Amino acid sequence: MKGGFLAVAFFCALFVAGGAFAQTKSGKLVVIQGSADVDGKSQITEKLLSECVVALPSLKELEADVTARTEYLKEINGEAGKNDHVKVYTASVRISYKVRQKLLIIITQNSLDGKDPVTREEERIIMKETPPFESDPGEGNIFAGRSNRKYYYTSSETAADNAKKRAQIWVSQQQNVLCSVGK
């Protein structure tokens, strides 16, 4: 009696969990799992077809964000015993630019009647921003330490110039992916 009750409880749990079961002629039990998501909801997905740069800033417009901090440096420029607090600088440049994107918009619906997805090509222009272009401390004008040598910038202008130089290289590389006129 107890075993029969457990078997009935097991089959009820399977049925509630979304499964169905059937008994074959040989007396074996076959469990069939399945699920359906027919809730009538729509799903919208985008697929990027193409992208090109519409506008880049001029190289003169690039501005660096400079930060300063004071560090205690030992053996400045390799001189033994020359230890001091020095104000050091780092700089970064971010570039905002416009891109034109062509997208394929796909709208699907979870329904029983099996409608075909609706597709439509769209075009949009958006602003993007690059990751920061940081000044390279390896090109700094002073160093500290002997075996574990580290370089630093001691003026905000040299740190800013280094970061701008890195950003200018990126801008010149993007000239190849500018949108054609009329597209």
N, C-alpha and C. Protein backbone atom coordinates (compact mmCIF):
# COMPACT_ATOMS: atom_id res chain seq x y z
N MET A 1 0.83 -1.19 0.00
CA MET A 1 0.00 0.00 0.00
C MET A 1 0.87 1.25 0.00
N LYS A 2 1.89 1.22 0.85
CA LYS A 2 2.78 2.36 0.95
C LYS A 2 3.54 2.57 -0.36
N GLY A 3 3.98 1.50 -1.03
CA GLY A 3 4.70 1.59 -2.30
C GLY A 3 3.82 2.13 -3.40
N GLY A 4 2.55 1.73 -3.42
CA GLY A 4 1.61 2.23 -4.44
C GLY A 4 1.35 3.71 -4.27
N PHE A 5 1.27 4.16 -3.03
CA PHE A 5 1.06 5.58 -2.75
C PHE A 5 2.26 6.41 -3.24
N LEU A 6 3.47 5.91 -3.02
CA LEU A 6 4.67 6.62 -3.46
C LEU A 6 4.73 6.69 -4.98
N ALA A 7 4.33 5.63 -5.67
CA ALA A 7 4.36 5.63 -7.13
C ALA A 7 3.37 6.65 -7.68
N VAL A 8 2.17 6.72 -7.09
CA VAL A 8 1.18 7.69 -7.53
C VAL A 8 1.68 9.11 -7.27
N ALA A 9 2.31 9.36 -6.12
CA ALA A 9 2.85 10.69 -5.80
C ALA A 9 3.95 11.07 -6.78
N PHE A 10 4.77 10.10 -7.17
CA PHE A 10 5.86 10.36 -8.12
C PHE A 10 5.30 10.76 -9.49
N PHE A 11 4.29 10.03 -9.97
CA PHE A 11 3.70 10.33 -11.27
C PHE A 11 2.98 11.67 -11.25
N CYS A 12 2.34 12.01 -10.16
CA CYS A 12 1.67 13.32 -10.05
C CYS A 12 2.70 14.44 -10.07
N ALA A 13 3.83 14.24 -9.41
CA ALA A 13 4.89 15.25 -9.40
C ALA A 13 5.44 15.44 -10.81
N LEU A 14 5.61 14.35 -11.56
CA LEU A 14 6.08 14.47 -12.94
C LEU A 14 5.09 15.24 -13.80
N PHE A 15 3.81 14.96 -13.63
CA PHE A 15 2.79 15.61 -14.42
C PHE A 15 2.74 17.11 -14.12
N VAL A 16 2.84 17.49 -12.87
CA VAL A 16 2.81 18.90 -12.47
C VAL A 16 4.07 19.60 -12.98
N ALA A 17 5.22 18.93 -13.03
CA ALA A 17 6.47 19.54 -13.46
C ALA A 17 6.55 19.71 -14.97
N GLY A 18 5.52 19.32 -15.71
CA GLY A 18 5.53 19.54 -17.15
C GLY A 18 5.79 18.29 -17.94
N GLY A 19 5.92 17.18 -17.32
CA GLY A 19 6.16 15.94 -18.04
C GLY A 19 4.86 15.16 -18.20
N ALA A 20 4.86 14.25 -19.13
CA ALA A 20 3.72 13.36 -19.31
C ALA A 20 4.26 11.95 -19.32
N PHE A 21 3.41 10.98 -19.01
CA PHE A 21 3.89 9.60 -18.99
C PHE A 21 2.86 8.71 -19.65
N ALA A 22 3.35 7.57 -20.12
CA ALA A 22 2.48 6.58 -20.75
C ALA A 22 3.02 5.20 -20.43
N GLN A 23 2.12 4.25 -20.38
CA GLN A 23 2.53 2.88 -20.10
C GLN A 23 2.44 2.09 -21.40
N THR A 24 3.49 1.34 -21.71
CA THR A 24 3.53 0.54 -22.94
C THR A 24 2.85 -0.80 -22.70
N LYS A 25 2.67 -1.60 -23.78
CA LYS A 25 2.03 -2.91 -23.66
C LYS A 25 2.86 -3.86 -22.81
N SER A 26 4.18 -3.65 -22.80
CA SER A 26 5.02 -4.55 -22.00
C SER A 26 4.98 -4.18 -20.52
N GLY A 27 4.26 -3.14 -20.19
CA GLY A 27 4.14 -2.76 -18.79
C GLY A 27 5.20 -1.77 -18.35
N LYS A 28 6.11 -1.38 -19.24
CA LYS A 28 7.14 -0.40 -18.87
C LYS A 28 6.56 1.00 -18.94
N LEU A 29 7.07 1.84 -18.10
CA LEU A 29 6.61 3.22 -18.02
C LEU A 29 7.57 4.11 -18.81
N VAL A 30 7.04 4.95 -19.69
CA VAL A 30 7.85 5.87 -20.48
C VAL A 30 7.49 7.29 -20.06
N VAL A 31 8.51 8.08 -19.70
CA VAL A 31 8.29 9.46 -19.29
C VAL A 31 8.71 10.36 -20.44
N ILE A 32 7.82 11.28 -20.82
CA ILE A 32 8.09 12.20 -21.92
C ILE A 32 8.13 13.60 -21.34
N GLN A 33 9.25 14.30 -21.55
CA GLN A 33 9.41 15.67 -21.07
C GLN A 33 9.15 16.63 -22.22
N GLY A 34 8.54 17.75 -21.94
CA GLY A 34 8.31 18.77 -22.96
C GLY A 34 7.85 20.06 -22.31
N SER A 35 8.04 21.12 -23.02
CA SER A 35 7.55 22.40 -22.51
C SER A 35 7.20 23.28 -23.71
N ALA A 36 6.29 24.18 -23.48
CA ALA A 36 5.89 25.12 -24.52
C ALA A 36 5.82 26.50 -23.88
N ASP A 37 6.30 27.48 -24.61
CA ASP A 37 6.30 28.84 -24.11
C ASP A 37 5.43 29.67 -25.05
N VAL A 38 4.13 29.46 -24.97
CA VAL A 38 3.19 30.15 -25.82
C VAL A 38 2.48 31.18 -24.96
N ASP A 39 3.16 32.30 -24.76
CA ASP A 39 2.59 33.31 -23.88
C ASP A 39 2.18 34.58 -24.64
N GLY A 40 2.38 34.59 -25.96
CA GLY A 40 1.97 35.75 -26.75
C GLY A 40 2.92 36.93 -26.67
N LYS A 41 4.02 36.79 -25.95
CA LYS A 41 4.97 37.89 -25.80
C LYS A 41 5.80 38.04 -27.07
N SER A 42 6.22 39.26 -27.34
CA SER A 42 7.08 39.54 -28.49
C SER A 42 8.52 39.69 -28.01
N GLN A 43 9.44 39.28 -28.84
CA GLN A 43 10.86 39.44 -28.56
C GLN A 43 11.47 40.24 -29.70
N ILE A 44 12.25 41.25 -29.33
CA ILE A 44 12.89 42.09 -30.32
C ILE A 44 14.39 41.90 -30.19
N THR A 45 15.04 41.55 -31.29
CA THR A 45 16.49 41.41 -31.31
C THR A 45 17.05 42.26 -32.44
N GLU A 46 18.30 42.69 -32.24
CA GLU A 46 18.97 43.50 -33.25
C GLU A 46 20.21 42.76 -33.71
N LYS A 47 20.47 42.84 -35.00
CA LYS A 47 21.69 42.27 -35.57
C LYS A 47 22.40 43.38 -36.33
N LEU A 48 23.63 43.67 -35.95
CA LEU A 48 24.40 44.72 -36.59
C LEU A 48 24.87 44.24 -37.97
N LEU A 49 24.47 44.96 -39.01
CA LEU A 49 24.86 44.60 -40.37
C LEU A 49 26.13 45.32 -40.81
N SER A 50 26.22 46.61 -40.50
CA SER A 50 27.42 47.38 -40.86
C SER A 50 27.54 48.58 -39.94
N GLU A 51 28.76 49.09 -39.87
CA GLU A 51 29.02 50.25 -39.04
C GLU A 51 30.18 51.03 -39.65
N CYS A 52 30.04 52.34 -39.68
CA CYS A 52 31.14 53.18 -40.16
C CYS A 52 31.17 54.47 -39.34
N VAL A 53 32.33 55.07 -39.29
CA VAL A 53 32.51 56.31 -38.53
C VAL A 53 32.03 57.48 -39.37
N VAL A 54 31.15 58.29 -38.78
CA VAL A 54 30.61 59.46 -39.47
C VAL A 54 31.51 60.67 -39.25
N ALA A 55 31.88 60.91 -37.99
CA ALA A 55 32.66 62.11 -37.67
C ALA A 55 33.63 61.82 -36.54
N LEU A 56 34.84 62.35 -36.73
CA LEU A 56 35.89 62.26 -35.71
C LEU A 56 36.26 63.68 -35.29
N PRO A 57 36.69 63.86 -34.06
CA PRO A 57 37.12 65.20 -33.67
C PRO A 57 38.44 65.56 -34.36
N SER A 58 38.68 66.85 -34.49
CA SER A 58 39.96 67.26 -35.06
C SER A 58 41.05 67.04 -34.01
N LEU A 59 42.26 66.87 -34.46
CA LEU A 59 43.35 66.59 -33.54
C LEU A 59 43.60 67.75 -32.57
N LYS A 60 43.25 68.97 -32.97
CA LYS A 60 43.42 70.14 -32.10
C LYS A 60 42.41 70.16 -30.96
N GLU A 61 41.28 69.47 -31.14
CA GLU A 61 40.23 69.46 -30.12
C GLU A 61 40.51 68.49 -28.98
N LEU A 62 41.49 67.62 -29.11
CA LEU A 62 41.76 66.62 -28.09
C LEU A 62 42.29 67.28 -26.82
N GLU A 63 41.67 66.96 -25.71
CA GLU A 63 42.08 67.48 -24.41
C GLU A 63 42.42 66.32 -23.49
N ALA A 64 43.46 66.49 -22.72
CA ALA A 64 43.89 65.45 -21.78
C ALA A 64 43.40 65.77 -20.38
N ASP A 65 43.02 64.74 -19.67
CA ASP A 65 42.67 64.85 -18.25
C ASP A 65 43.92 64.48 -17.46
N VAL A 66 44.51 65.46 -16.80
CA VAL A 66 45.78 65.26 -16.11
C VAL A 66 45.53 65.14 -14.61
N THR A 67 46.16 64.14 -14.00
CA THR A 67 46.10 63.98 -12.55
C THR A 67 47.51 64.04 -11.99
N ALA A 68 47.61 64.60 -10.79
CA ALA A 68 48.91 64.72 -10.14
C ALA A 68 48.85 64.04 -8.78
N ARG A 69 50.00 63.52 -8.38
CA ARG A 69 50.11 62.93 -7.04
C ARG A 69 51.57 63.07 -6.61
N THR A 70 51.78 63.02 -5.32
CA THR A 70 53.14 63.10 -4.79
C THR A 70 53.58 61.71 -4.37
N GLU A 71 54.77 61.34 -4.80
CA GLU A 71 55.33 60.03 -4.44
C GLU A 71 56.73 60.23 -3.88
N TYR A 72 57.09 59.36 -2.97
CA TYR A 72 58.45 59.36 -2.44
C TYR A 72 59.28 58.44 -3.31
N LEU A 73 60.27 59.01 -3.99
CA LEU A 73 61.09 58.25 -4.92
C LEU A 73 62.50 58.08 -4.35
N LYS A 74 63.05 56.89 -4.54
CA LYS A 74 64.41 56.59 -4.06
C LYS A 74 65.35 56.48 -5.25
N GLU A 75 66.53 56.97 -5.07
CA GLU A 75 67.58 56.92 -6.09
C GLU A 75 67.08 57.50 -7.41
N ILE A 76 66.68 58.75 -7.36
CA ILE A 76 66.12 59.43 -8.52
C ILE A 76 67.19 59.53 -9.61
N ASN A 77 66.82 59.11 -10.81
CA ASN A 77 67.70 59.09 -11.99
C ASN A 77 69.01 58.36 -11.73
N GLY A 78 68.95 57.34 -10.87
CA GLY A 78 70.11 56.48 -10.62
C GLY A 78 71.13 57.04 -9.65
N GLU A 79 70.88 58.19 -9.05
CA GLU A 79 71.83 58.78 -8.11
C GLU A 79 71.60 58.19 -6.72
N ALA A 80 72.63 57.53 -6.18
CA ALA A 80 72.55 56.94 -4.85
C ALA A 80 72.36 58.04 -3.81
N GLY A 81 71.43 57.83 -2.90
CA GLY A 81 71.17 58.79 -1.83
C GLY A 81 70.25 59.93 -2.23
N LYS A 82 69.84 60.02 -3.50
CA LYS A 82 68.92 61.09 -3.92
C LYS A 82 67.49 60.57 -3.79
N ASN A 83 66.93 60.80 -2.62
CA ASN A 83 65.57 60.37 -2.30
C ASN A 83 64.75 61.62 -1.98
N ASP A 84 63.55 61.70 -2.50
CA ASP A 84 62.77 62.92 -2.28
C ASP A 84 61.30 62.67 -2.63
N HIS A 85 60.45 63.57 -2.10
CA HIS A 85 59.04 63.59 -2.51
C HIS A 85 58.97 64.36 -3.83
N VAL A 86 58.36 63.74 -4.83
CA VAL A 86 58.28 64.35 -6.15
C VAL A 86 56.82 64.33 -6.60
N LYS A 87 56.39 65.44 -7.21
CA LYS A 87 55.05 65.50 -7.79
C LYS A 87 55.14 64.88 -9.17
N VAL A 88 54.34 63.82 -9.40
CA VAL A 88 54.34 63.11 -10.69
C VAL A 88 52.96 63.23 -11.32
N TYR A 89 52.90 63.11 -12.64
CA TYR A 89 51.67 63.33 -13.39
C TYR A 89 51.35 62.14 -14.29
N THR A 90 50.07 61.91 -14.48
CA THR A 90 49.57 60.98 -15.48
C THR A 90 48.45 61.69 -16.24
N ALA A 91 48.20 61.25 -17.45
CA ALA A 91 47.16 61.89 -18.27
C ALA A 91 46.41 60.83 -19.05
N SER A 92 45.16 61.16 -19.39
CA SER A 92 44.37 60.28 -20.23
C SER A 92 43.49 61.12 -21.15
N VAL A 93 43.20 60.56 -22.32
CA VAL A 93 42.35 61.22 -23.31
C VAL A 93 41.27 60.24 -23.72
N ARG A 94 40.02 60.71 -23.71
CA ARG A 94 38.88 59.95 -24.24
C ARG A 94 38.37 60.67 -25.48
N ILE A 95 37.98 59.90 -26.47
CA ILE A 95 37.50 60.49 -27.72
C ILE A 95 36.05 60.08 -27.93
N SER A 96 35.19 61.08 -28.11
CA SER A 96 33.79 60.83 -28.48
C SER A 96 33.66 61.03 -29.99
N TYR A 97 32.97 60.10 -30.64
CA TYR A 97 32.84 60.16 -32.09
C TYR A 97 31.49 59.58 -32.50
N LYS A 98 31.04 59.94 -33.71
CA LYS A 98 29.75 59.47 -34.23
C LYS A 98 29.95 58.30 -35.17
N VAL A 99 29.06 57.31 -35.06
CA VAL A 99 29.05 56.19 -35.99
C VAL A 99 27.65 56.00 -36.56
N ARG A 100 27.61 55.51 -37.80
CA ARG A 100 26.35 55.15 -38.44
C ARG A 100 26.27 53.63 -38.44
N GLN A 101 25.16 53.12 -37.94
CA GLN A 101 24.96 51.67 -37.89
C GLN A 101 23.74 51.29 -38.72
N LYS A 102 23.89 50.20 -39.48
CA LYS A 102 22.74 49.59 -40.16
C LYS A 102 22.43 48.32 -39.39
N LEU A 103 21.17 48.20 -38.98
CA LEU A 103 20.74 47.08 -38.15
C LEU A 103 19.61 46.33 -38.81
N LEU A 104 19.52 45.06 -38.49
CA LEU A 104 18.37 44.26 -38.86
C LEU A 104 17.59 44.02 -37.58
N ILE A 105 16.37 44.56 -37.52
CA ILE A 105 15.50 44.40 -36.36
C ILE A 105 14.62 43.17 -36.62
N ILE A 106 14.62 42.22 -35.70
CA ILE A 106 13.85 40.99 -35.84
C ILE A 106 12.85 40.92 -34.68
N ILE A 107 11.57 40.83 -35.03
CA ILE A 107 10.51 40.75 -34.01
C ILE A 107 9.85 39.38 -34.15
N THR A 108 9.92 38.59 -33.09
CA THR A 108 9.28 37.28 -33.07
C THR A 108 8.22 37.27 -31.99
N GLN A 109 7.24 36.37 -32.15
CA GLN A 109 6.15 36.28 -31.18
C GLN A 109 5.94 34.82 -30.80
N ASN A 110 5.80 34.57 -29.51
CA ASN A 110 5.51 33.22 -29.02
C ASN A 110 4.00 33.00 -29.13
N SER A 111 3.59 32.31 -30.18
CA SER A 111 2.16 32.06 -30.37
C SER A 111 1.96 30.69 -30.99
N LEU A 112 0.72 30.21 -30.92
CA LEU A 112 0.39 28.90 -31.47
C LEU A 112 0.25 28.92 -32.98
N ASP A 113 -0.12 30.06 -33.56
CA ASP A 113 -0.38 30.09 -34.99
C ASP A 113 0.89 30.17 -35.83
N GLY A 114 2.07 30.24 -35.23
CA GLY A 114 3.34 30.14 -35.94
C GLY A 114 3.58 31.25 -36.95
N LYS A 115 3.46 32.49 -36.52
CA LYS A 115 3.69 33.61 -37.42
C LYS A 115 5.17 33.73 -37.76
N ASP A 116 5.44 34.16 -39.00
CA ASP A 116 6.82 34.42 -39.40
C ASP A 116 7.33 35.65 -38.65
N PRO A 117 8.63 35.68 -38.37
CA PRO A 117 9.17 36.87 -37.71
C PRO A 117 9.09 38.09 -38.64
N VAL A 118 8.93 39.25 -38.03
CA VAL A 118 8.92 40.51 -38.78
C VAL A 118 10.34 41.04 -38.77
N THR A 119 10.88 41.35 -39.95
CA THR A 119 12.23 41.89 -40.04
C THR A 119 12.18 43.25 -40.73
N ARG A 120 13.08 44.12 -40.28
CA ARG A 120 13.13 45.46 -40.86
C ARG A 120 14.55 46.00 -40.71
N GLU A 121 15.06 46.62 -41.75
CA GLU A 121 16.37 47.25 -41.67
C GLU A 121 16.21 48.68 -41.19
N GLU A 122 17.05 49.06 -40.25
CA GLU A 122 17.03 50.40 -39.68
C GLU A 122 18.42 50.99 -39.76
N GLU A 123 18.50 52.29 -39.74
CA GLU A 123 19.78 52.98 -39.70
C GLU A 123 19.72 53.99 -38.56
N ARG A 124 20.82 54.08 -37.83
CA ARG A 124 20.86 55.05 -36.74
C ARG A 124 22.28 55.62 -36.61
N ILE A 125 22.33 56.82 -36.07
CA ILE A 125 23.62 57.46 -35.79
C ILE A 125 23.70 57.62 -34.28
N ILE A 126 24.79 57.09 -33.71
CA ILE A 126 24.97 57.15 -32.27
C ILE A 126 26.37 57.68 -31.95
N MET A 127 26.51 58.14 -30.73
CA MET A 127 27.81 58.58 -30.23
C MET A 127 28.47 57.41 -29.51
N LYS A 128 29.76 57.26 -29.72
CA LYS A 128 30.55 56.26 -29.01
C LYS A 128 31.72 56.96 -28.35
N GLU A 129 32.31 56.28 -27.39
CA GLU A 129 33.47 56.83 -26.70
C GLU A 129 34.53 55.74 -26.60
N THR A 130 35.76 56.13 -26.83
CA THR A 130 36.86 55.18 -26.76
C THR A 130 37.22 54.91 -25.31
N PRO A 131 37.89 53.81 -25.05
CA PRO A 131 38.51 53.65 -23.73
C PRO A 131 39.59 54.74 -23.60
N PRO A 132 40.00 55.06 -22.39
CA PRO A 132 40.98 56.13 -22.25
C PRO A 132 42.35 55.76 -22.83
N PHE A 133 42.97 56.73 -23.47
CA PHE A 133 44.34 56.61 -23.93
C PHE A 133 45.21 57.21 -22.83
N GLU A 134 45.97 56.35 -22.17
CA GLU A 134 46.77 56.75 -21.02
C GLU A 134 48.18 57.14 -21.45
N SER A 135 48.76 58.08 -20.70
CA SER A 135 50.17 58.40 -20.93
C SER A 135 51.01 57.20 -20.50
N ASP A 136 52.04 56.91 -21.26
CA ASP A 136 52.89 55.76 -21.00
C ASP A 136 54.00 56.17 -20.03
N PRO A 137 54.00 55.63 -18.82
CA PRO A 137 55.04 56.03 -17.87
C PRO A 137 56.44 55.62 -18.32
N GLY A 138 56.54 54.63 -19.19
CA GLY A 138 57.84 54.21 -19.70
C GLY A 138 58.54 55.29 -20.50
N GLU A 139 57.80 56.30 -20.93
CA GLU A 139 58.39 57.41 -21.67
C GLU A 139 58.55 58.66 -20.80
N GLY A 140 58.46 58.47 -19.47
CA GLY A 140 58.60 59.60 -18.55
C GLY A 140 60.00 60.18 -18.56
N ASN A 141 60.14 61.37 -17.95
CA ASN A 141 61.42 62.05 -18.01
C ASN A 141 62.32 61.79 -16.79
N ILE A 142 61.82 61.13 -15.74
CA ILE A 142 62.70 60.72 -14.64
C ILE A 142 62.39 59.28 -14.29
N PHE A 143 63.32 58.66 -13.56
CA PHE A 143 63.08 57.31 -13.07
C PHE A 143 63.59 57.20 -11.65
N ALA A 144 63.13 56.15 -10.99
CA ALA A 144 63.55 55.90 -9.61
C ALA A 144 63.81 54.41 -9.46
N GLY A 145 64.72 54.07 -8.55
CA GLY A 145 65.06 52.69 -8.28
C GLY A 145 66.16 52.20 -9.20
N ARG A 146 66.75 51.07 -8.80
CA ARG A 146 67.82 50.49 -9.63
C ARG A 146 67.31 49.28 -10.39
N SER A 147 67.12 48.17 -9.69
CA SER A 147 66.73 46.95 -10.38
C SER A 147 65.26 46.98 -10.80
N ASN A 148 64.43 47.59 -10.02
CA ASN A 148 63.01 47.70 -10.35
C ASN A 148 62.72 49.16 -10.74
N ARG A 149 63.28 49.57 -11.84
CA ARG A 149 63.22 50.96 -12.28
C ARG A 149 61.82 51.31 -12.76
N LYS A 150 61.30 52.46 -12.29
CA LYS A 150 60.00 52.97 -12.73
C LYS A 150 60.18 54.39 -13.25
N TYR A 151 59.45 54.71 -14.30
CA TYR A 151 59.55 56.03 -14.91
C TYR A 151 58.33 56.86 -14.55
N TYR A 152 58.53 58.18 -14.53
CA TYR A 152 57.47 59.12 -14.15
C TYR A 152 57.57 60.38 -14.99
N TYR A 153 56.43 61.08 -15.10
CA TYR A 153 56.40 62.41 -15.70
C TYR A 153 56.43 63.43 -14.58
N THR A 154 57.27 64.46 -14.73
CA THR A 154 57.34 65.50 -13.70
C THR A 154 56.68 66.79 -14.15
N SER A 155 56.06 66.80 -15.33
CA SER A 155 55.28 67.97 -15.75
C SER A 155 53.98 67.50 -16.37
N SER A 156 52.95 68.29 -16.15
CA SER A 156 51.63 67.93 -16.68
C SER A 156 51.62 68.00 -18.20
N GLU A 157 52.41 68.90 -18.78
CA GLU A 157 52.43 69.06 -20.23
C GLU A 157 52.99 67.82 -20.93
N THR A 158 54.08 67.25 -20.40
CA THR A 158 54.67 66.08 -21.06
C THR A 158 53.75 64.86 -20.93
N ALA A 159 53.08 64.73 -19.79
CA ALA A 159 52.14 63.62 -19.63
C ALA A 159 50.96 63.79 -20.59
N ALA A 160 50.44 65.02 -20.69
CA ALA A 160 49.31 65.29 -21.59
C ALA A 160 49.71 65.09 -23.04
N ASP A 161 50.89 65.53 -23.42
CA ASP A 161 51.35 65.36 -24.80
C ASP A 161 51.47 63.89 -25.17
N ASN A 162 51.94 63.07 -24.24
CA ASN A 162 52.08 61.65 -24.51
C ASN A 162 50.71 61.00 -24.72
N ALA A 163 49.74 61.33 -23.88
CA ALA A 163 48.40 60.76 -24.03
C ALA A 163 47.75 61.24 -25.32
N LYS A 164 47.93 62.52 -25.66
CA LYS A 164 47.37 63.06 -26.90
C LYS A 164 47.98 62.37 -28.12
N LYS A 165 49.27 62.11 -28.05
CA LYS A 165 49.95 61.44 -29.17
C LYS A 165 49.34 60.06 -29.41
N ARG A 166 49.05 59.33 -28.34
CA ARG A 166 48.43 58.01 -28.48
C ARG A 166 47.02 58.12 -29.06
N ALA A 167 46.27 59.13 -28.63
CA ALA A 167 44.92 59.34 -29.15
C ALA A 167 44.96 59.75 -30.61
N GLN A 168 45.92 60.57 -30.99
CA GLN A 168 46.04 61.01 -32.38
C GLN A 168 46.34 59.84 -33.31
N ILE A 169 47.11 58.89 -32.85
CA ILE A 169 47.38 57.69 -33.65
C ILE A 169 46.09 56.94 -33.92
N TRP A 170 45.24 56.80 -32.90
CA TRP A 170 43.96 56.11 -33.07
C TRP A 170 43.08 56.86 -34.07
N VAL A 171 43.02 58.19 -33.96
CA VAL A 171 42.19 58.99 -34.87
C VAL A 171 42.67 58.81 -36.30
N SER A 172 43.98 58.82 -36.52
CA SER A 172 44.49 58.67 -37.88
C SER A 172 44.20 57.27 -38.43
N GLN A 173 44.17 56.26 -37.58
CA GLN A 173 43.83 54.91 -38.03
C GLN A 173 42.36 54.79 -38.43
N GLN A 174 41.50 55.60 -37.83
CA GLN A 174 40.06 55.52 -38.12
C GLN A 174 39.69 56.19 -39.43
N GLN A 175 40.59 56.90 -40.04
CA GLN A 175 40.30 57.54 -41.32
C GLN A 175 39.91 56.51 -42.37
N ASN A 176 40.37 55.28 -42.23
CA ASN A 176 40.05 54.22 -43.20
C ASN A 176 38.62 53.71 -43.09
N VAL A 177 37.96 53.93 -41.96
CA VAL A 177 36.60 53.41 -41.79
C VAL A 177 35.56 54.51 -41.76
N LEU A 178 35.93 55.69 -42.28
CA LEU A 178 34.93 56.78 -42.38
C LEU A 178 33.88 56.40 -43.40
N CYS A 179 32.65 56.81 -43.15
CA CYS A 179 31.55 56.53 -44.07
C CYS A 179 31.79 57.25 -45.38
N SER A 180 31.40 56.60 -46.46
CA SER A 180 31.47 57.25 -47.77
C SER A 180 30.39 58.31 -47.85
N VAL A 181 30.64 59.35 -48.60
CA VAL A 181 29.67 60.42 -48.76
C VAL A 181 28.46 59.87 -49.51
N GLY A 182 27.27 60.18 -48.99
CA GLY A 182 26.04 59.74 -49.65
C GLY A 182 25.56 58.38 -49.21
N LYS A 183 26.31 57.67 -48.37
CA LYS A 183 25.85 56.35 -47.90
C LYS A 183 25.17 56.48 -46.58
